[in-house]
Amino acid sequence: MNILELRALGKINLGLDVLGVREDGYHDVRMVMQTVYLYDDVIIRRKTGPGIEVESNLYYLPVDENNIAYKAAKLLTDEFDLTNGVFITLKKHIPVSAGMAGGSANAAAVLFGMNRMFRLGLGEEELMERGLKLGADVPYCIKRGTVLAEGIGEKLTPLPPLPKCQILIAKPGVSVSTKWVYDRIDAKKNLQHPDIDGIIAGLHHGDLQTVARSMGNVLEEVTIGAYPVIEEIKSRMKDAGALNAIMSGSGPTVFGIFADRTSAKEAYRRIKEQKLVKQVYLTNAHVVKRR
């Protein structure tokens, strides 16, 4: 196997709560994660000689050891003493620095792809253990689907799939540092914590209305203060018929949940015309069939 073409799916957070900061500097979180059909194309080519090379369609993306996909390839190359290197092409569509785990999804795809290409024999749990060395979201990006994430995001419990719906994703023309947001959430008092249990209950009952009503993201209290356009996008989505709209991850991407495609398409048209955002996509949830 000399070439693999993979889809690295982005994610949204149906709910994101921060429980506190740990002694190691990380934060304990409780999140409901959901992969969506907005993806980067990751192409892995086996080289005849050693070395790792990365190229991207985005000129500003690092393609050296500062790229997490590069780090993923190096991790497996070093561990298994691989004599053949890889050439990795990243065709980016997931918004960058936007709360959708695009980089983590790329790293997950490289771990998955090189495991197959070089027949390393690693199972899903083993890939997730290695992914955690690269970033807290990488294990989830290997598992995918609808999942409760706890700890620093590495403790993953599969949940029933999100009921059928349309998801409108919109990113304004700003980028947000995850570290910057988490550094500031600790100073906030009287945080409005989202109803994670309500989301989980809605999923178990297949009740989209309950899921949407319970959605929330505690990090909005930091990010919206710096970028009020996020609140404006949320309001526009709700005005256009979204059951609810919240920020994903540390932002600034906003997503809205729509019960039907007609209202979602109309909202897509209106959001695009209003020119509040740089990128806008209409998609749906990715369902993983668990054994």
Protein backbone atom coordinates (compact mmCIF):
# COMPACT_ATOMS: atom_id res chain seq x y z
CA MET A 1 0.00 0.00 0.00
CA ASN A 2 1.79 3.12 -1.25
CA ILE A 3 -0.95 5.75 -1.06
CA LEU A 4 -3.95 6.39 1.17
CA GLU A 5 -6.60 9.08 0.81
CA LEU A 6 -8.47 9.82 4.04
CA ARG A 7 -11.13 12.19 5.31
CA ALA A 8 -10.30 13.95 8.57
CA LEU A 9 -13.67 15.01 10.01
CA GLY A 10 -14.13 18.14 12.11
CA LYS A 11 -16.13 18.28 15.32
CA ILE A 12 -18.53 20.49 17.18
CA ASN A 13 -19.26 20.57 20.91
CA LEU A 14 -22.95 20.08 21.66
CA GLY A 15 -21.98 20.95 25.21
CA LEU A 16 -18.73 22.10 26.81
CA ASP A 17 -18.21 22.57 30.54
CA VAL A 18 -14.99 23.35 32.42
CA LEU A 19 -14.87 21.85 35.91
CA GLY A 20 -11.59 23.36 37.08
CA VAL A 21 -7.85 23.59 36.53
CA ARG A 22 -5.58 20.66 37.41
CA GLU A 23 -2.17 20.67 39.06
CA ASP A 24 -0.56 19.91 35.69
CA GLY A 25 -2.07 23.08 34.21
CA TYR A 26 -4.68 21.28 32.11
CA HIS A 27 -8.40 21.71 32.73
CA ASP A 28 -10.89 19.03 33.69
CA VAL A 29 -13.76 19.22 31.22
CA ARG A 30 -17.09 17.54 30.52
CA MET A 31 -18.13 17.75 26.89
CA VAL A 32 -20.46 16.16 24.40
CA MET A 33 -18.56 15.93 21.12
CA GLN A 34 -20.01 15.33 17.65
CA THR A 35 -18.20 14.77 14.36
CA VAL A 36 -19.69 16.44 11.29
CA TYR A 37 -19.34 16.04 7.53
CA LEU A 38 -16.94 18.92 7.15
CA TYR A 39 -13.54 17.45 6.54
CA ASP A 40 -9.96 17.91 5.40
CA ASP A 41 -8.55 15.58 2.76
CA VAL A 42 -5.40 13.89 4.05
CA ILE A 43 -3.31 12.04 1.47
CA ILE A 44 -0.41 9.88 2.69
CA ARG A 45 2.18 8.64 0.19
CA ARG A 46 4.85 6.13 1.11
CA LYS A 47 8.36 7.29 0.20
CA THR A 48 11.09 5.02 -1.08
CA GLY A 49 13.52 6.57 1.40
CA PRO A 50 13.33 8.05 4.90
CA GLY A 51 11.96 11.42 5.99
CA ILE A 52 8.64 13.18 6.56
CA GLU A 53 7.33 15.87 4.23
CA VAL A 54 4.11 17.85 4.57
CA GLU A 55 2.39 20.17 2.10
CA SER A 56 -0.84 22.15 2.45
CA ASN A 57 -3.15 24.28 0.34
CA LEU A 58 -2.91 27.00 3.04
CA TYR A 59 0.26 29.06 2.72
CA TYR A 60 0.25 30.10 6.38
CA LEU A 61 0.07 26.58 7.80
CA PRO A 62 3.44 25.27 9.08
CA VAL A 63 4.65 22.18 7.24
CA ASP A 64 7.58 21.29 9.50
CA GLU A 65 7.80 19.78 12.99
CA ASN A 66 5.39 22.50 14.19
CA ASN A 67 2.56 20.83 12.26
CA ILE A 68 0.65 18.27 14.34
CA ALA A 69 0.28 15.92 11.35
CA TYR A 70 4.06 15.94 11.02
CA LYS A 71 4.36 15.17 14.75
CA ALA A 72 1.97 12.23 14.36
CA ALA A 73 4.05 10.77 11.53
CA LYS A 74 7.28 11.25 13.50
CA LEU A 75 5.80 9.59 16.59
CA LEU A 76 5.10 6.35 14.69
CA THR A 77 8.28 6.57 12.60
CA ASP A 78 10.43 6.79 15.73
CA GLU A 79 8.54 4.17 17.73
CA PHE A 80 8.57 1.54 14.99
CA ASP A 81 11.93 2.46 13.39
CA LEU A 82 10.29 2.86 9.99
CA THR A 83 12.84 3.01 7.18
CA ASN A 84 10.35 4.43 4.67
CA GLY A 85 9.16 7.98 5.16
CA VAL A 86 5.87 9.58 4.14
CA PHE A 87 4.74 12.54 2.08
CA ILE A 88 1.57 14.05 3.57
CA THR A 89 -0.78 16.35 1.65
CA LEU A 90 -3.31 18.35 3.66
CA LYS A 91 -6.20 19.81 1.70
CA LYS A 92 -7.77 21.99 4.38
CA HIS A 93 -11.49 22.79 4.47
CA ILE A 94 -12.15 22.77 8.23
CA PRO A 95 -11.70 26.34 9.54
CA VAL A 96 -8.30 26.83 11.21
CA SER A 97 -8.01 27.95 14.87
CA ALA A 98 -11.78 27.79 15.04
CA GLY A 99 -12.81 25.29 17.71
CA MET A 100 -13.42 22.40 15.29
CA ALA A 101 -10.27 20.30 15.96
CA GLY A 102 -9.05 20.44 12.36
CA GLY A 103 -5.40 19.93 13.32
CA SER A 104 -6.25 17.12 15.73
CA ALA A 105 -8.33 15.43 13.01
CA ASN A 106 -5.35 15.62 10.64
CA ALA A 107 -3.10 14.01 13.26
CA ALA A 108 -5.68 11.28 13.88
CA ALA A 109 -5.87 10.56 10.15
CA VAL A 110 -2.08 10.26 9.92
CA LEU A 111 -1.95 7.84 12.87
CA PHE A 112 -4.79 5.77 11.40
CA GLY A 113 -3.35 5.86 7.87
CA MET A 114 0.25 5.00 8.77
CA ASN A 115 -0.98 2.16 10.99
CA ARG A 116 -2.65 0.66 7.92
CA MET A 117 0.06 1.56 5.42
CA PHE A 118 2.90 0.03 7.44
CA ARG A 119 0.80 -2.75 9.02
CA LEU A 120 1.74 -1.75 12.55
CA GLY A 121 -1.13 -3.74 14.07
CA LEU A 122 -2.34 -1.06 16.49
CA GLY A 123 -5.95 -1.21 17.68
CA GLU A 124 -8.18 1.81 18.25
CA GLU A 125 -7.31 2.11 21.95
CA GLU A 126 -3.58 1.91 21.16
CA LEU A 127 -3.92 4.61 18.52
CA MET A 128 -5.83 6.78 20.99
CA GLU A 129 -3.07 6.36 23.61
CA ARG A 130 -0.54 7.65 21.12
CA GLY A 131 -2.87 10.40 19.98
CA LEU A 132 -3.10 11.77 23.52
CA LYS A 133 0.64 12.51 23.38
CA LEU A 134 -0.11 14.93 20.54
CA GLY A 135 -3.19 16.69 21.92
CA ALA A 136 -6.28 16.22 24.07
CA ASP A 137 -8.67 16.16 21.06
CA VAL A 138 -6.73 13.58 19.02
CA PRO A 139 -8.12 10.46 20.78
CA TYR A 140 -11.65 11.69 20.11
CA CYS A 141 -10.82 12.39 16.46
CA ILE A 142 -9.78 8.73 16.18
CA LYS A 143 -12.98 7.47 17.85
CA ARG A 144 -15.41 10.00 16.28
CA GLY A 145 -19.22 10.01 16.46
CA THR A 146 -21.30 11.20 19.44
CA VAL A 147 -19.22 10.92 22.61
CA LEU A 148 -19.05 12.16 26.21
CA ALA A 149 -15.49 13.40 26.83
CA GLU A 150 -14.19 13.83 30.37
CA GLY A 151 -10.86 14.31 32.13
CA ILE A 152 -8.82 16.57 29.83
CA GLY A 153 -10.91 15.17 26.98
CA GLU A 154 -9.31 11.74 26.81
CA LYS A 155 -11.91 9.74 28.78
CA LEU A 156 -14.43 8.89 26.08
CA THR A 157 -17.85 7.27 26.48
CA PRO A 158 -19.90 6.61 23.31
CA LEU A 159 -23.43 8.04 23.32
CA PRO A 160 -26.49 7.41 21.13
CA PRO A 161 -26.24 9.31 17.84
CA LEU A 162 -27.54 12.84 17.43
CA PRO A 163 -31.07 12.68 15.97
CA LYS A 164 -31.28 13.54 12.29
CA CYS A 165 -30.87 17.27 11.73
CA GLN A 166 -29.10 19.92 9.68
CA ILE A 167 -26.08 21.74 11.07
CA LEU A 168 -25.13 25.23 9.92
CA ILE A 169 -21.50 26.13 10.62
CA ALA A 170 -20.22 29.70 10.39
CA LYS A 171 -16.79 31.13 11.20
CA PRO A 172 -16.18 34.89 11.38
CA GLY A 173 -12.93 36.33 10.08
CA VAL A 174 -11.06 36.00 13.37
CA SER A 175 -9.00 33.21 14.91
CA VAL A 176 -8.89 32.33 18.59
CA SER A 177 -6.12 30.75 20.66
CA THR A 178 -7.43 27.87 22.77
CA LYS A 179 -4.76 28.53 25.39
CA TRP A 180 -5.76 32.21 25.58
CA VAL A 181 -9.39 31.27 26.28
CA TYR A 182 -8.62 28.62 28.90
CA ASP A 183 -6.14 30.90 30.66
CA ARG A 184 -8.96 33.41 31.16
CA ILE A 185 -11.82 31.11 32.11
CA ASP A 186 -10.23 30.50 35.53
CA ALA A 187 -10.68 34.15 36.50
CA LYS A 188 -14.41 34.11 35.74
CA LYS A 189 -16.86 33.90 38.64
CA ASN A 190 -20.44 32.59 38.65
CA LEU A 191 -20.06 30.73 35.37
CA GLN A 192 -23.24 29.61 33.59
CA HIS A 193 -22.59 25.89 33.26
CA PRO A 194 -24.32 24.06 30.39
CA ASP A 195 -26.77 21.22 30.95
CA ILE A 196 -24.58 18.31 29.86
CA ASP A 197 -26.91 15.78 31.52
CA GLY A 198 -29.84 17.26 29.59
CA ILE A 199 -28.00 16.75 26.30
CA ILE A 200 -27.22 13.14 27.22
CA ALA A 201 -30.85 12.50 28.22
CA GLY A 202 -32.05 13.97 24.92
CA LEU A 203 -29.67 11.71 22.99
CA HIS A 204 -30.86 8.61 24.86
CA HIS A 205 -34.48 9.50 24.06
CA GLY A 206 -33.76 10.51 20.46
CA ASP A 207 -35.24 13.93 21.28
CA LEU A 208 -33.61 16.64 19.15
CA GLN A 209 -35.56 19.43 20.88
CA THR A 210 -34.18 18.45 24.30
CA VAL A 211 -30.64 18.14 22.94
CA ALA A 212 -30.83 21.58 21.32
CA ARG A 213 -32.46 23.23 24.35
CA SER A 214 -29.74 21.85 26.65
CA MET A 215 -26.76 22.86 24.49
CA GLY A 216 -24.28 25.33 25.92
CA ASN A 217 -20.61 26.29 26.04
CA VAL A 218 -19.08 27.81 29.17
CA LEU A 219 -16.15 29.21 27.15
CA GLU A 220 -18.49 31.67 25.42
CA GLU A 221 -18.19 33.83 28.54
CA VAL A 222 -14.57 34.53 27.58
CA THR A 223 -14.58 34.44 23.78
CA ILE A 224 -17.75 36.48 23.15
CA GLY A 225 -16.40 39.23 25.41
CA ALA A 226 -13.47 39.63 23.03
CA TYR A 227 -15.38 38.92 19.82
CA PRO A 228 -19.03 40.07 20.10
CA VAL A 229 -19.63 39.05 16.47
CA ILE A 230 -20.05 35.51 17.83
CA GLU A 231 -23.18 36.54 19.74
CA GLU A 232 -24.50 38.30 16.66
CA ILE A 233 -24.08 35.18 14.53
CA LYS A 234 -25.85 33.10 17.18
CA SER A 235 -28.77 35.53 17.20
CA ARG A 236 -29.02 35.57 13.40
CA MET A 237 -29.12 31.76 13.30
CA LYS A 238 -31.88 31.60 15.93
CA ASP A 239 -33.84 34.30 14.10
CA ALA A 240 -33.54 32.17 10.96
CA GLY A 241 -35.08 29.12 12.64
CA ALA A 242 -32.29 27.34 14.51
CA LEU A 243 -33.46 25.30 17.48
CA ASN A 244 -30.35 26.63 19.18
CA ALA A 245 -26.97 28.04 18.20
CA ILE A 246 -23.76 28.04 20.24
CA MET A 247 -20.01 28.45 19.85
CA SER A 248 -17.94 25.33 19.21
CA GLY A 249 -14.86 24.68 21.36
CA SER A 250 -12.94 27.82 22.23
CA GLY A 251 -14.40 29.51 19.15
CA PRO A 252 -14.94 31.52 17.14
CA THR A 253 -16.98 29.08 15.01
CA VAL A 254 -20.73 29.09 15.67
CA PHE A 255 -23.08 26.27 14.73
CA GLY A 256 -26.85 26.08 14.64
CA ILE A 257 -29.08 23.00 14.82
CA PHE A 258 -32.03 22.92 12.40
CA ALA A 259 -34.84 20.37 12.37
CA ASP A 260 -35.35 20.50 8.59
CA ARG A 261 -33.29 21.22 5.50
CA THR A 262 -35.60 23.95 4.14
CA SER A 263 -35.11 26.28 7.10
CA ALA A 264 -31.40 25.42 7.26
CA LYS A 265 -30.88 26.32 3.59
CA GLU A 266 -32.70 29.62 4.08
CA ALA A 267 -30.55 30.38 7.14
CA TYR A 268 -27.43 29.50 5.14
CA ARG A 269 -28.46 31.97 2.44
CA ARG A 270 -29.20 34.74 4.94
CA ILE A 271 -26.00 34.27 6.95
CA LYS A 272 -23.95 34.33 3.76
CA GLU A 273 -25.66 37.47 2.48
CA GLN A 274 -25.15 39.33 5.75
CA LYS A 275 -21.36 38.96 5.36
CA LEU A 276 -20.75 38.50 9.08
CA VAL A 277 -18.68 35.40 8.45
CA LYS A 278 -15.69 34.34 6.41
CA GLN A 279 -16.69 30.68 6.01
CA VAL A 280 -20.14 29.08 6.13
CA TYR A 281 -21.15 25.46 5.57
CA LEU A 282 -24.35 23.46 5.73
CA THR A 283 -23.83 19.84 6.74
CA ASN A 284 -25.02 17.07 9.05
CA ALA A 285 -23.76 14.81 11.81
CA HIS A 286 -21.48 11.87 11.19
CA VAL A 287 -22.89 8.66 12.68
CA VAL A 288 -20.47 5.94 13.80
CA LYS A 289 -21.84 2.40 13.94
CA ARG A 290 -20.48 0.94 17.17
CA ARG A 291 -20.06 -2.78 17.68
